Amino acid sequence: MKLAIAVFVLAAAMTFTTQITAQAPAPPPAKVGFINSDLFANRSGGITRLVNALKTLDAEFKARRDEITQLVSRFDALQQVPPGTTPAQLATRRDQAQTLQIDIQRKQEDARVAYAKRLAALTNPIRLSVFNALEAYAKQRGIDVLIDQSKFPDGILLTNPNADLTPAFIRDINSRNP
């Protein structure tokens, strides 16, 4: 008897659920678009304001890069021991190399910190305006979901090239912000 009641209740619940599901309209399919934000910084064909900011940053840090490159070359030269080097000369070269290595590491770390700060100062306002423009661009085209392929390139197996909004968006934002 208890089993019969349980079966009846289960059957009634399934019938009720089926009727509710059948009556509910199916939601419209989501419209999905793709972008590749790595292309925004592409020197040829990227977002002009962002590319120009990155060029400015490169120019500002060129002297530091060159200095560190020269120090690394000097360090490498000290590592090469010429034939006939006396033990005293070898010890001197080692000391110079150690001092130079510490100097290189400090300059690299200082440059990294300064670069990160300057990068944020130059690009954060641009990135915010790009995000806002991208949001408006997607809304205008009725895009429900926008996926950035650069964030997980191995996770996207197949896309319709027509769903890639990147080139059209870059043209649009560059035309609005020369």
Protein backbone atom coordinates (compact mmCIF):
# COMPACT_ATOMS: atom_id res chain seq x y z
CA MET A 1 0.00 0.00 0.00
CA LYS A 2 2.77 2.42 0.91
CA LEU A 3 4.55 1.52 -2.32
CA ALA A 4 1.40 2.21 -4.35
CA ILE A 5 1.02 5.64 -2.73
CA ALA A 6 4.69 6.46 -3.37
CA VAL A 7 4.37 5.44 -7.02
CA PHE A 8 1.19 7.51 -7.36
CA VAL A 9 2.84 10.59 -5.79
CA LEU A 10 5.91 10.17 -8.02
CA ALA A 11 3.79 9.80 -11.16
CA ALA A 12 1.71 12.86 -10.23
CA ALA A 13 4.86 14.93 -9.60
CA MET A 14 6.35 13.90 -12.95
CA THR A 15 3.11 14.75 -14.77
CA PHE A 16 2.92 18.13 -13.04
CA THR A 17 6.58 18.89 -13.84
CA THR A 18 6.10 17.88 -17.47
CA GLN A 19 3.07 20.15 -17.78
CA ILE A 20 4.93 23.11 -16.25
CA THR A 21 7.95 22.53 -18.48
CA ALA A 22 5.81 22.19 -21.58
CA GLN A 23 3.99 25.44 -20.81
CA ALA A 24 7.12 27.53 -20.17
CA PRO A 25 8.39 29.16 -23.35
CA ALA A 26 11.92 28.28 -24.31
CA PRO A 27 14.35 31.18 -23.86
CA PRO A 28 15.75 32.61 -27.07
CA PRO A 29 19.19 31.32 -28.01
CA ALA A 30 22.07 33.40 -26.73
CA LYS A 31 24.04 35.33 -29.30
CA VAL A 32 27.77 34.75 -28.76
CA GLY A 33 30.68 36.77 -30.10
CA PHE A 34 34.41 36.35 -29.85
CA ILE A 35 37.25 38.80 -29.51
CA ASN A 36 40.99 38.39 -29.15
CA SER A 37 42.19 41.15 -26.83
CA ASP A 38 45.84 40.31 -27.61
CA LEU A 39 45.27 41.94 -31.00
CA PHE A 40 44.38 45.24 -29.34
CA ALA A 41 48.11 45.91 -28.73
CA ASN A 42 49.22 44.68 -32.17
CA ARG A 43 51.53 47.34 -33.65
CA SER A 44 49.93 46.92 -37.06
CA GLY A 45 46.18 46.91 -36.84
CA GLY A 46 45.73 47.30 -33.09
CA ILE A 47 43.92 49.99 -31.13
CA THR A 48 45.86 53.14 -31.99
CA ARG A 49 45.77 54.78 -28.55
CA LEU A 50 46.95 51.60 -26.84
CA VAL A 51 49.69 50.97 -29.40
CA ASN A 52 50.91 54.56 -29.06
CA ALA A 53 50.98 54.28 -25.26
CA LEU A 54 53.05 51.10 -25.50
CA LYS A 55 55.45 52.76 -27.95
CA THR A 56 55.85 55.65 -25.51
CA LEU A 57 56.59 53.18 -22.74
CA ASP A 58 59.18 51.38 -24.86
CA ALA A 59 60.89 54.68 -25.66
CA GLU A 60 60.92 55.72 -21.99
CA PHE A 61 62.55 52.47 -20.90
CA LYS A 62 65.00 52.08 -23.79
CA ALA A 63 67.89 53.66 -21.87
CA ARG A 64 67.39 51.27 -18.93
CA ARG A 65 67.15 48.26 -21.26
CA ASP A 66 70.32 49.31 -23.06
CA GLU A 67 72.17 49.83 -19.77
CA ILE A 68 71.16 46.39 -18.47
CA THR A 69 72.11 44.80 -21.80
CA GLN A 70 75.56 46.38 -21.58
CA LEU A 71 76.00 45.18 -18.01
CA VAL A 72 75.02 41.64 -19.03
CA SER A 73 77.55 41.75 -21.88
CA ARG A 74 80.23 42.88 -19.44
CA PHE A 75 79.22 40.09 -17.07
CA ASP A 76 79.44 37.54 -19.89
CA ALA A 77 82.88 38.85 -20.83
CA LEU A 78 84.05 38.42 -17.24
CA GLN A 79 82.85 34.80 -17.36
CA GLN A 80 85.17 34.11 -20.30
CA VAL A 81 88.58 33.34 -18.81
CA PRO A 82 91.42 34.13 -21.21
CA PRO A 83 94.25 31.63 -21.39
CA GLY A 84 97.16 32.33 -19.07
CA THR A 85 95.04 34.01 -16.40
CA THR A 86 96.73 33.84 -13.02
CA PRO A 87 94.81 32.70 -9.93
CA ALA A 88 94.89 36.26 -8.56
CA GLN A 89 93.43 37.63 -11.80
CA LEU A 90 90.81 34.88 -11.77
CA ALA A 91 89.79 35.81 -8.20
CA THR A 92 89.52 39.47 -9.21
CA ARG A 93 87.36 38.56 -12.22
CA ARG A 94 85.08 36.45 -10.00
CA ASP A 95 84.67 39.29 -7.51
CA GLN A 96 83.88 41.73 -10.31
CA ALA A 97 81.39 39.27 -11.81
CA GLN A 98 79.62 38.78 -8.47
CA THR A 99 79.38 42.52 -7.88
CA LEU A 100 78.15 43.04 -11.43
CA GLN A 101 75.57 40.25 -11.09
CA ILE A 102 74.12 41.88 -7.97
CA ASP A 103 74.04 45.25 -9.75
CA ILE A 104 72.25 43.69 -12.75
CA GLN A 105 69.65 42.01 -10.55
CA ARG A 106 68.93 45.26 -8.69
CA LYS A 107 68.62 47.28 -11.89
CA GLN A 108 66.35 44.64 -13.44
CA GLU A 109 64.06 44.60 -10.41
CA ASP A 110 63.96 48.41 -10.24
CA ALA A 111 63.17 48.55 -13.95
CA ARG A 112 60.43 45.91 -13.58
CA VAL A 113 58.73 47.85 -10.78
CA ALA A 114 59.01 51.19 -12.58
CA TYR A 115 57.78 49.62 -15.84
CA ALA A 116 54.74 48.08 -14.16
CA LYS A 117 53.80 51.39 -12.54
CA ARG A 118 54.25 53.37 -15.73
CA LEU A 119 52.41 50.73 -17.77
CA ALA A 120 49.43 50.98 -15.43
CA ALA A 121 49.49 54.78 -15.51
CA LEU A 122 49.57 54.88 -19.31
CA THR A 123 47.25 52.02 -20.19
CA ASN A 124 44.65 51.65 -17.41
CA PRO A 125 42.56 54.63 -18.59
CA ILE A 126 42.77 53.33 -22.17
CA ARG A 127 41.84 49.79 -21.14
CA LEU A 128 38.83 51.11 -19.20
CA SER A 129 37.61 53.12 -22.19
CA VAL A 130 38.18 50.08 -24.46
CA PHE A 131 36.12 47.92 -22.11
CA ASN A 132 33.32 50.49 -22.07
CA ALA A 133 33.43 50.78 -25.87
CA LEU A 134 33.43 46.99 -26.22
CA GLU A 135 30.43 46.73 -23.92
CA ALA A 136 28.53 49.30 -25.99
CA TYR A 137 29.65 47.63 -29.24
CA ALA A 138 28.34 44.24 -28.08
CA LYS A 139 25.03 45.75 -26.91
CA GLN A 140 24.51 47.46 -30.27
CA ARG A 141 24.88 44.12 -32.01
CA GLY A 142 22.71 42.18 -29.57
CA ILE A 143 25.61 40.07 -28.27
CA ASP A 144 24.64 38.23 -25.08
CA VAL A 145 27.98 36.59 -24.38
CA LEU A 146 31.40 37.89 -25.43
CA ILE A 147 34.32 35.49 -25.09
CA ASP A 148 37.95 36.63 -25.16
CA GLN A 149 39.86 33.94 -27.03
CA SER A 150 43.21 35.21 -25.73
CA LYS A 151 42.30 34.21 -22.18
CA PHE A 152 41.94 30.51 -22.94
CA PRO A 153 43.07 29.78 -26.49
CA ASP A 154 43.24 26.01 -25.98
CA GLY A 155 39.70 25.94 -24.57
CA ILE A 156 38.03 27.08 -27.78
CA LEU A 157 38.02 24.30 -30.33
CA LEU A 158 36.01 25.82 -33.15
CA THR A 159 34.61 29.23 -33.95
CA ASN A 160 32.84 30.72 -36.88
CA PRO A 161 35.12 33.48 -38.23
CA ASN A 162 32.02 35.64 -38.62
CA ALA A 163 31.57 35.58 -34.83
CA ASP A 164 35.01 37.20 -34.32
CA LEU A 165 34.29 40.85 -33.58
CA THR A 166 37.93 41.86 -33.08
CA PRO A 167 38.77 43.44 -36.46
CA ALA A 168 35.47 45.30 -36.74
CA PHE A 169 35.69 46.50 -33.13
CA ILE A 170 39.27 47.76 -33.59
CA ARG A 171 38.20 49.67 -36.73
CA ASP A 172 35.22 51.11 -34.86
CA ILE A 173 37.18 52.26 -31.79
CA ASN A 174 40.01 53.69 -33.90
CA SER A 175 37.53 55.65 -36.00
CA ARG A 176 36.01 57.15 -32.85
CA ASN A 177 39.38 57.84 -31.16
CA PRO A 178 42.01 58.71 -33.78
